[in-house]
Protein backbone atom coordinates (compact mmCIF):
# COMPACT_ATOMS: atom_id res chain seq x y z
CA MET A 1 2.45 -9.11 6.56
CA THR A 2 5.36 -11.54 5.51
CA THR A 3 9.19 -11.05 5.32
CA GLN A 4 8.79 -10.46 1.61
CA GLU A 5 6.17 -8.11 1.82
CA ALA A 6 7.91 -6.24 3.99
CA ILE A 7 11.44 -5.94 2.05
CA ALA A 8 9.24 -4.92 -0.67
CA GLN A 9 7.73 -2.17 1.40
CA ARG A 10 10.63 -1.05 2.36
CA ILE A 11 12.41 -0.91 -1.19
CA ARG A 12 9.27 1.32 -2.21
CA GLN A 13 9.86 3.56 1.08
CA LEU A 14 13.57 4.21 0.25
CA CYS A 15 12.86 4.93 -3.13
CA LYS A 16 10.62 7.50 -2.08
CA GLU A 17 12.62 8.94 0.34
CA LYS A 18 15.79 8.95 -1.45
CA GLY A 19 13.86 10.29 -4.85
CA PHE A 20 14.41 7.47 -6.75
CA THR A 21 12.55 5.08 -9.15
CA PRO A 22 12.77 1.17 -8.81
CA ASN A 23 14.48 1.06 -12.21
CA GLY A 24 16.60 4.25 -10.71
CA ILE A 25 17.43 2.25 -7.84
CA ALA A 26 18.49 -0.97 -9.89
CA ILE A 27 20.51 0.99 -12.19
CA TYR A 28 22.36 2.88 -9.62
CA SER A 29 23.06 -0.11 -7.21
CA ALA A 30 23.81 -2.85 -9.82
CA VAL A 31 20.86 -5.10 -9.35
CA PRO A 32 19.35 -6.33 -12.42
CA GLN A 33 15.92 -4.50 -13.10
CA ALA A 34 14.21 -7.58 -13.27
CA THR A 35 15.48 -8.52 -9.65
CA VAL A 36 13.90 -5.26 -8.43
CA LYS A 37 10.94 -5.63 -10.21
CA SER A 38 10.73 -9.81 -8.94
CA ILE A 39 11.19 -8.40 -5.30
CA LEU A 40 8.77 -5.36 -5.53
CA ASN A 41 5.97 -7.59 -7.20
CA GLY A 42 6.24 -10.83 -4.74
CA GLU A 43 7.46 -12.99 -7.04
CA SER A 44 10.66 -13.24 -5.37
CA GLN A 45 9.87 -15.39 -2.56
CA ASN A 46 13.26 -15.23 -1.09
CA PRO A 47 15.45 -12.21 -1.86
CA LYS A 48 19.23 -12.77 -1.79
CA ILE A 49 20.96 -11.09 1.00
CA LEU A 50 23.45 -9.77 -1.66
CA SER A 51 20.68 -7.77 -3.73
CA ILE A 52 19.08 -6.32 -0.78
CA LYS A 53 22.88 -5.29 0.13
CA LYS A 54 23.84 -3.69 -2.88
CA LEU A 55 20.44 -1.85 -2.81
CA CYS A 56 21.01 -0.50 0.78
CA ASP A 57 24.52 0.88 -0.66
CA GLY A 58 22.66 2.50 -3.50
CA PHE A 59 20.36 3.93 -1.20
CA GLY A 60 23.48 4.92 1.26
CA ILE A 61 22.29 3.05 3.94
CA THR A 62 23.63 0.00 6.23
CA LEU A 63 21.65 -3.31 6.28
CA GLY A 64 20.85 -2.59 9.94
CA GLU A 65 19.36 0.53 9.03
CA PHE A 66 17.28 -1.37 6.11
CA PHE A 67 15.57 -3.78 8.84
CA SER A 68 15.41 -1.79 11.51
CA THR A 69 11.79 -0.61 11.16
CA GLU A 70 8.54 -1.14 13.21
CA GLU A 71 7.38 -3.62 10.42
CA PHE A 72 10.47 -5.88 10.71
CA ASP A 73 10.51 -6.11 14.07
CA GLN A 74 6.47 -6.89 14.53
CA LEU A 75 7.12 -9.99 11.70
CA GLU A 76 5.89 -13.36 13.21
CA GLN A 77 8.05 -16.18 13.65
CA GLU A 78 8.14 -18.01 10.21
CA ILE A 79 9.30 -21.63 12.01
CA LYS A 80 6.41 -23.26 13.73
């Protein structure tokens, strides 16, 4: 799994847990719907931390909580 896939998976998981659709969290967190779509579809190769922070605010969680999952802990180092 790549970092981008882990981010998209985490956003989908949080949408399900918190009862948001991708469009709903985009509106609620003031992140453009096109940005959320781009992240979820894997088109965004490097999602901005500011966008992720705004999504976290919309979900009512911290950045630490967003990234504190087994999926992120198991990512392989990308610098070789």
